[in-house]
C-alpha cells in the first residue's frame, strides 16, 4: 500500500508512534511496507532519533552488562537490545554469543515469540545471533511446535494474500513461505480473482474515502490488495 495516499488517520498514527514503536509494527498496522513508513516519516521530518550515549550510561552498562538479563538492561537504560549490544562492543565489554547466558526471562520471551515472529526478528529483540536463537530453541524443544491458525491469522491471510508475494505475510505471521502458500491454496486464495461487478464498484466509490480498509475488504469479500488496486484504477483517494 506504500504507493497510495496517506489518510489523516494514517499520518496521525505515524506521528504518535514513530519514535515509540518499531517501524515493522507500524507498517503492519497501516498495511504498508517498512520502507514506505520510513520514507514518509522522513518526508514529514520524523527521522529516527539517534541519542548519544552519556558517560553515566556507559558506567551503568559496564557495571550491569554481565549481571542482568537483556530485558532488565533495556528497562534500566531505556534503550533497545541492539543498541546496548553495539555499545558494549565499542566499550570492549561485549561477550561472544557462545558466552552469553540465557536467563529465565530470555527463555520465556523466546518461547512466547517462537513461531509467532520471524527468527531474525527474535534475534534482534534478544540481542543475539540467529544461530544462537535456533540453538536455544532446539535445547528448549520448541522447534517442532506446530502453530495453530487462529481466526486473526486467517483474517490477515484473507485480506492481504497476493500470489507471488508471500514473504511479507510469512514474516508477519511467524511462518514459512511454504506454510502461507499451502494455507492459501487450501482456502482457495490462489485462484483467479473474481471480476468486479458494477455493484461492487459503486460500493467501493461510496465507502473508500472514509471506511476502514479491513472492514471494506470484509464487506466486499476481497483482500486489501484487491481493494487498493481497484481504487487506484478508479482514481479514488482516501481522506
Protein backbone atom coordinates (compact mmCIF):
# COMPACT_ATOMS: atom_id res chain seq x y z
CA UNK A 1 0.00 0.00 0.00
CA UNK A 2 3.07 2.23 0.06
CA UNK A 3 2.09 3.85 -3.27
CA UNK A 4 -1.31 5.04 -2.09
CA UNK A 5 -2.20 8.33 -0.44
CA UNK A 6 -1.77 8.63 3.30
CA UNK A 7 -5.02 9.32 5.13
CA UNK A 8 -5.24 11.78 8.00
CA UNK A 9 -5.69 8.83 10.34
CA UNK A 10 -2.52 7.16 8.98
CA UNK A 11 -0.48 10.35 9.37
CA UNK A 12 -1.64 10.87 12.96
CA UNK A 13 -0.70 7.28 13.78
CA UNK A 14 2.80 7.69 12.35
CA UNK A 15 3.34 10.96 14.25
CA UNK A 16 2.18 9.40 17.50
CA UNK A 17 4.13 6.13 17.36
CA UNK A 18 7.16 6.59 15.07
CA UNK A 19 9.59 7.19 17.94
CA UNK A 20 7.87 4.73 20.25
CA UNK A 21 7.30 1.55 18.20
CA UNK A 22 9.44 -0.48 15.77
CA UNK A 23 8.91 0.57 12.15
CA UNK A 24 7.86 -3.00 11.27
CA UNK A 25 4.98 -2.84 13.80
CA UNK A 26 3.78 0.48 12.42
CA UNK A 27 3.99 -0.87 8.87
CA UNK A 28 1.94 -3.94 9.81
CA UNK A 29 -0.77 -1.82 11.46
CA UNK A 30 -1.04 0.51 8.46
CA UNK A 31 -0.74 -2.29 5.88
CA UNK A 32 2.31 -0.69 4.31
CA UNK A 33 5.93 -1.70 3.88
CA UNK A 34 8.57 -0.60 6.45
CA UNK A 35 10.33 1.27 3.63
CA UNK A 36 7.15 3.23 2.88
CA UNK A 37 6.75 4.15 6.56
CA UNK A 38 10.39 5.26 6.88
CA UNK A 39 10.15 7.25 3.67
CA UNK A 40 7.01 9.09 4.72
CA UNK A 41 8.33 9.71 8.24
CA UNK A 42 11.45 11.26 6.74
CA UNK A 43 9.31 13.35 4.41
CA UNK A 44 7.42 14.92 7.32
CA UNK A 45 10.56 15.39 9.43
CA UNK A 46 10.27 12.39 11.75
CA UNK A 47 13.66 10.77 11.09
CA UNK A 48 14.70 8.28 13.76
CA UNK A 49 16.46 9.91 16.69
CA UNK A 50 19.98 8.72 17.42
CA UNK A 51 20.63 9.52 21.07
CA UNK A 52 24.29 9.72 22.04
CA UNK A 53 25.43 7.60 24.97
CA UNK A 54 26.22 9.59 28.11
CA UNK A 55 29.12 8.90 30.47
CA UNK A 56 26.61 7.80 33.10
CA UNK A 57 25.02 5.27 30.72
CA UNK A 58 28.44 3.85 29.83
CA UNK A 59 29.18 3.38 33.52
CA UNK A 60 25.86 1.61 34.08
CA UNK A 61 26.46 -0.63 31.06
CA UNK A 62 29.91 -1.66 32.31
CA UNK A 63 28.53 -2.35 35.78
CA UNK A 64 25.48 -4.43 34.84
CA UNK A 65 26.22 -5.93 31.42
CA UNK A 66 27.44 -9.25 32.87
CA UNK A 67 24.89 -9.34 35.69
CA UNK A 68 21.46 -8.57 34.24
CA UNK A 69 19.25 -10.01 31.52
CA UNK A 70 18.72 -8.21 28.22
CA UNK A 71 15.22 -7.10 29.16
CA UNK A 72 16.35 -5.70 32.52
CA UNK A 73 19.14 -3.76 30.82
CA UNK A 74 16.67 -2.41 28.24
CA UNK A 75 14.41 -1.16 31.04
CA UNK A 76 17.31 0.26 33.05
CA UNK A 77 18.87 2.13 30.12
CA UNK A 78 15.67 2.85 28.17
CA UNK A 79 17.34 1.52 25.04
CA UNK A 80 16.84 -1.44 22.69
CA UNK A 81 18.89 -4.63 22.94
CA UNK A 82 20.58 -3.98 19.57
CA UNK A 83 21.75 -0.54 20.73
CA UNK A 84 23.06 -1.99 24.01
CA UNK A 85 24.96 -4.77 22.21
CA UNK A 86 26.58 -2.32 19.80
CA UNK A 87 27.66 -0.04 22.63
CA UNK A 88 29.03 -2.96 24.65
CA UNK A 89 31.26 -3.92 21.71
CA UNK A 90 32.54 -0.35 21.42
CA UNK A 91 33.35 -0.28 25.16
CA UNK A 92 35.04 -3.66 24.97
CA UNK A 93 32.67 -5.38 27.38
CA UNK A 94 30.73 -7.43 24.84
CA UNK A 95 30.87 -11.17 25.18
CA UNK A 96 30.90 -13.76 22.43
CA UNK A 97 27.50 -15.18 21.56
CA UNK A 98 28.62 -18.55 22.91
CA UNK A 99 29.38 -16.96 26.29
CA UNK A 100 26.05 -15.19 26.70
CA UNK A 101 23.96 -16.80 29.40
CA UNK A 102 20.26 -17.27 28.73
CA UNK A 103 18.24 -16.01 31.69
CA UNK A 104 14.83 -17.36 32.65
CA UNK A 105 13.34 -14.16 31.24
CA UNK A 106 15.20 -14.65 27.92
CA UNK A 107 13.86 -18.19 27.67
CA UNK A 108 10.31 -17.04 28.41
CA UNK A 109 10.48 -14.38 25.72
CA UNK A 110 11.88 -16.89 23.23
CA UNK A 111 9.05 -19.34 23.93
CA UNK A 112 6.49 -16.53 23.59
CA UNK A 113 7.91 -15.28 20.28
CA UNK A 114 8.91 -18.56 18.63
CA UNK A 115 6.50 -19.47 15.87
CA UNK A 116 4.88 -16.04 16.04
CA UNK A 117 7.74 -13.86 14.82
CA UNK A 118 10.44 -14.35 12.22
CA UNK A 119 13.61 -15.81 13.79
CA UNK A 120 15.65 -12.85 12.54
CA UNK A 121 13.27 -10.52 14.39
CA UNK A 122 13.57 -12.57 17.58
CA UNK A 123 17.36 -12.42 17.31
CA UNK A 124 17.27 -8.63 17.08
CA UNK A 125 14.86 -8.31 20.00
CA UNK A 126 17.01 -10.53 22.23
CA UNK A 127 20.30 -9.07 21.01
CA UNK A 128 21.59 -12.44 19.80
CA UNK A 129 22.56 -14.16 16.55
CA UNK A 130 20.07 -16.18 14.50
CA UNK A 131 22.16 -19.32 15.11
CA UNK A 132 22.05 -18.68 18.86
CA UNK A 133 18.26 -18.40 18.78
CA UNK A 134 17.90 -21.63 16.77
CA UNK A 135 20.27 -23.47 19.11
CA UNK A 136 18.39 -22.33 22.21
CA UNK A 137 15.03 -23.19 20.65
CA UNK A 138 16.26 -26.72 19.95
CA UNK A 139 17.50 -27.03 23.53
CA UNK A 140 14.09 -25.92 24.82
CA UNK A 141 12.43 -28.36 22.38
CA UNK A 142 10.15 -25.76 20.85
CA UNK A 143 11.32 -26.03 17.22
CA UNK A 144 8.68 -28.61 16.34
CA UNK A 145 5.75 -26.67 17.74
CA UNK A 146 3.02 -26.55 15.10
CA UNK A 147 1.32 -23.21 15.49
CA UNK A 148 -2.45 -23.38 15.13
CA UNK A 149 -4.03 -20.96 12.69
CA UNK A 150 -6.16 -18.51 14.68
CA UNK A 151 -9.15 -16.51 13.45
CA UNK A 152 -6.91 -13.40 13.38
CA UNK A 153 -4.31 -15.28 11.29
CA UNK A 154 -6.97 -16.26 8.76
CA UNK A 155 -8.28 -12.68 8.57
CA UNK A 156 -4.78 -11.35 7.88
CA UNK A 157 -4.19 -14.02 5.25
CA UNK A 158 -7.53 -13.44 3.50
CA UNK A 159 -7.15 -9.66 3.48
CA UNK A 160 -3.50 -9.40 2.42
CA UNK A 161 -2.57 -12.53 0.47
CA UNK A 162 -1.28 -11.88 -3.03
CA UNK A 163 0.18 -14.68 -5.20
CA UNK A 164 3.95 -14.38 -5.51
CA UNK A 165 4.28 -12.02 -2.52
CA UNK A 166 4.13 -14.37 0.47
CA UNK A 167 7.38 -13.37 2.19
CA UNK A 168 5.92 -10.34 3.97
CA UNK A 169 2.95 -12.33 5.29
CA UNK A 170 5.29 -15.11 6.37
CA UNK A 171 7.27 -12.63 8.50
CA UNK A 172 4.12 -11.06 9.97
CA UNK A 173 2.61 -14.41 10.92
CA UNK A 174 5.88 -16.04 12.01
CA UNK A 175 5.51 -18.82 9.43
CA UNK A 176 7.36 -20.11 6.39
CA UNK A 177 6.51 -19.01 2.85
CA UNK A 178 5.56 -22.62 2.10
CA UNK A 179 3.11 -22.61 5.03
CA UNK A 180 1.49 -19.39 3.76
CA UNK A 181 1.12 -20.70 0.20
CA UNK A 182 -0.17 -24.08 1.34
CA UNK A 183 -2.85 -22.49 3.56
CA UNK A 184 -3.80 -20.01 0.81
CA UNK A 185 -4.30 -22.88 -1.62
CA UNK A 186 -6.36 -24.79 0.92
CA UNK A 187 -8.86 -21.96 1.41
CA UNK A 188 -8.94 -21.01 -2.28
CA UNK A 189 -7.00 -17.76 -2.21
CA UNK A 190 -4.68 -18.78 -5.03
CA UNK A 191 -7.48 -18.95 -7.55
CA UNK A 192 -8.02 -16.19 -10.05
CA UNK A 193 -9.57 -13.05 -8.55
CA UNK A 194 -13.28 -12.65 -9.21
CA UNK A 195 -14.44 -9.94 -11.59
CA UNK A 196 -15.59 -6.61 -10.16
CA UNK A 197 -19.33 -6.13 -10.65
CA UNK A 198 -20.90 -2.71 -11.18
CA UNK A 199 -22.48 -3.01 -7.74
CA UNK A 200 -19.11 -3.69 -6.09
CA UNK A 201 -17.53 -0.75 -7.89
CA UNK A 202 -20.31 1.56 -6.69
CA UNK A 203 -19.90 0.37 -3.11
CA UNK A 204 -16.17 0.96 -3.36
CA UNK A 205 -16.70 4.51 -4.65
CA UNK A 206 -19.12 5.28 -1.82
CA UNK A 207 -17.10 3.80 1.04
CA UNK A 208 -13.43 4.07 0.07
CA UNK A 209 -12.86 7.65 1.28
CA UNK A 210 -13.85 7.06 4.88
CA UNK A 211 -14.32 3.35 5.60
CA UNK A 212 -11.71 1.26 7.39
CA UNK A 213 -9.78 -0.71 4.76
CA UNK A 214 -10.06 -4.04 6.57
CA UNK A 215 -13.78 -3.56 7.13
CA UNK A 216 -14.24 -2.62 3.47
CA UNK A 217 -12.37 -5.76 2.41
CA UNK A 218 -14.70 -7.89 4.51
CA UNK A 219 -17.78 -6.11 3.14
CA UNK A 220 -16.75 -6.68 -0.47
CA UNK A 221 -15.30 -10.14 0.32
CA UNK A 222 -11.93 -9.27 -1.21
CA UNK A 223 -8.40 -8.84 0.10
CA UNK A 224 -6.91 -5.45 0.89
CA UNK A 225 -4.55 -5.56 -2.11
CA UNK A 226 -7.52 -6.05 -4.45
CA UNK A 227 -9.36 -3.10 -2.86
CA UNK A 228 -6.37 -0.78 -3.17
CA UNK A 229 -5.55 -1.80 -6.73
CA UNK A 230 -9.11 -1.18 -7.88
CA UNK A 231 -9.25 2.15 -6.04
CA UNK A 232 -6.04 3.20 -7.78
CA UNK A 233 -7.51 2.26 -11.17
CA UNK A 234 -10.59 4.35 -10.42
CA UNK A 235 -8.55 7.29 -9.16
CA UNK A 236 -10.12 7.12 -5.68
CA UNK A 237 -8.40 8.81 -2.77
CA UNK A 238 -8.82 8.48 0.99
CA UNK A 239 -9.36 11.37 3.36
